Protein backbone atom coordinates (compact mmCIF):
# COMPACT_ATOMS: atom_id res chain seq x y z
CA MET A 1 164.44 27.33 57.72
CA ALA A 2 160.52 28.46 57.18
CA SER A 3 157.95 27.53 58.94
CA TYR A 4 155.19 25.63 57.88
CA TYR A 5 152.66 28.42 59.71
CA LEU A 6 153.59 31.80 57.66
CA SER A 7 152.19 34.81 59.86
CA GLU A 8 150.70 36.91 57.66
CA ASP A 9 148.68 33.66 56.01
CA LEU A 10 146.44 34.21 59.65
CA ALA A 11 145.27 37.92 56.92
CA ARG A 12 144.66 35.55 54.36
CA PHE A 13 141.11 33.86 56.44
CA GLY A 14 138.62 35.25 54.42
CA GLU A 15 139.89 32.99 51.36
CA VAL A 16 138.66 29.85 53.32
CA GLY A 17 134.96 31.77 52.57
CA GLY A 18 135.81 32.09 49.20
CA PRO A 19 134.51 28.42 47.79
CA ASN A 20 130.75 28.70 49.16
CA PRO A 21 130.07 32.18 50.97
CA LYS A 22 126.96 31.42 52.27
CA LEU A 23 128.15 28.89 55.12
CA PHE A 24 131.30 30.97 55.77
CA LYS A 25 129.00 34.26 56.51
CA MET A 26 126.99 32.20 58.08
CA TRP A 27 129.60 31.01 60.87
CA LEU A 28 131.25 34.58 60.46
CA ASP A 29 128.39 35.76 61.78
CA TRP A 30 127.71 33.12 64.58
CA TYR A 31 131.62 33.88 65.63
CA ASN A 32 131.34 37.38 66.09
CA GLU A 33 128.39 37.20 67.91
CA CYS A 34 129.76 34.64 70.18
CA HIS A 35 133.12 37.31 71.03
CA GLN A 36 130.84 40.37 72.06
CA ASP A 37 129.68 41.21 75.67
CA GLY A 38 126.98 39.29 76.96
CA ALA A 39 126.71 37.02 80.18
CA LEU A 40 130.36 37.02 79.89
CA ASP A 41 133.03 40.47 79.39
CA LYS A 42 134.97 40.71 75.42
CA LYS A 43 138.18 39.83 77.56
CA THR A 44 136.61 36.94 79.23
CA LYS A 45 135.77 35.38 76.63
CA ALA A 46 138.81 36.75 74.65
CA LEU A 47 140.77 34.89 77.52
CA ILE A 48 138.26 31.74 76.99
CA ALA A 49 139.60 31.68 73.41
CA LEU A 50 143.67 32.64 73.87
CA SER A 51 142.77 28.87 76.42
CA VAL A 52 141.15 27.65 73.94
CA ALA A 53 143.39 28.04 71.52
CA HIS A 54 146.52 26.96 72.96
CA VAL A 55 145.03 23.89 74.01
CA LEU A 56 143.96 23.08 70.41
CA GLN A 57 147.20 23.87 69.34
CA CYS A 58 146.80 26.20 66.54
CA PRO A 59 149.43 28.84 66.09
CA TYR A 60 146.93 31.32 63.64
CA CYS A 61 144.66 31.24 66.69
CA ILE A 62 147.46 31.62 69.42
CA ASP A 63 148.09 35.01 67.55
CA ALA A 64 144.64 35.95 66.81
CA TRP A 65 144.06 35.99 70.58
CA THR A 66 147.15 36.97 72.32
CA THR A 67 145.92 40.25 69.75
CA GLY A 68 142.51 39.74 70.85
CA SER A 69 143.35 39.65 74.50
CA GLN A 70 145.97 42.50 74.85
CA LYS A 71 142.74 44.67 72.77
CA GLU A 72 140.55 43.38 75.53
CA GLY A 73 142.93 44.79 78.25
CA ALA A 74 144.69 41.36 79.33
CA THR A 75 147.39 41.58 81.37
CA PRO A 76 150.54 38.62 80.56
CA GLU A 77 149.67 37.31 84.47
CA GLN A 78 146.05 37.30 82.99
CA MET A 79 147.37 35.14 79.97
CA ALA A 80 150.01 32.56 81.34
CA GLU A 81 146.81 32.03 84.05
CA ALA A 82 145.07 30.73 81.53
CA VAL A 83 146.67 28.67 79.39
CA HIS A 84 148.33 26.95 81.78
CA VAL A 85 144.01 26.33 82.82
CA GLY A 86 143.86 25.14 79.59
CA ALA A 87 146.77 23.38 79.76
CA SER A 88 146.15 21.50 83.07
CA LEU A 89 142.94 20.54 81.46
CA ARG A 90 144.46 18.96 78.47
CA ALA A 91 146.66 16.79 80.80
CA GLY A 92 143.91 15.70 83.17
CA THR A 93 142.09 13.82 80.33
CA SER A 94 145.63 12.17 79.31
CA LEU A 95 145.69 11.46 83.14
CA VAL A 96 142.37 10.45 83.48
CA HIS A 97 142.88 8.05 80.58
CA HIS A 98 145.06 5.62 82.55
CA ILE A 99 141.74 3.95 84.25
CA GLN A 100 141.91 2.46 80.22
CA SER A 101 145.39 1.09 81.38
CA LEU A 102 144.20 0.05 84.95
CA ASN A 103 141.31 -2.01 84.22
CA VAL A 104 143.41 -3.79 81.80
CA GLN A 105 146.00 -4.78 84.50
CA ALA A 106 143.00 -5.49 86.43
CA ARG A 107 141.86 -7.68 83.94
CA ASP A 108 144.98 -9.63 83.95
């Protein structure tokens, strides 16, 4: 069965800028600058991006940032750990919302 997300579509990403090239270029410049060495090195930023890609569940981003992390020298263990950090926060945000349920239970 064909997937809704096709890995070859990632190469078409630039097409989304077609309707408004000015705004797309502004975003692209900002995006590229964010991923340069700064207070954090590129490898750390790539691992953050990989983690966020998993939390946001973006297959294209997961593909891109797996490759990007590898390019910056991240090991499989580092990538797995980054994904687990993001997943643990995602789970924690679900768990903390249980406070709302506890508040309702306390009222009743």
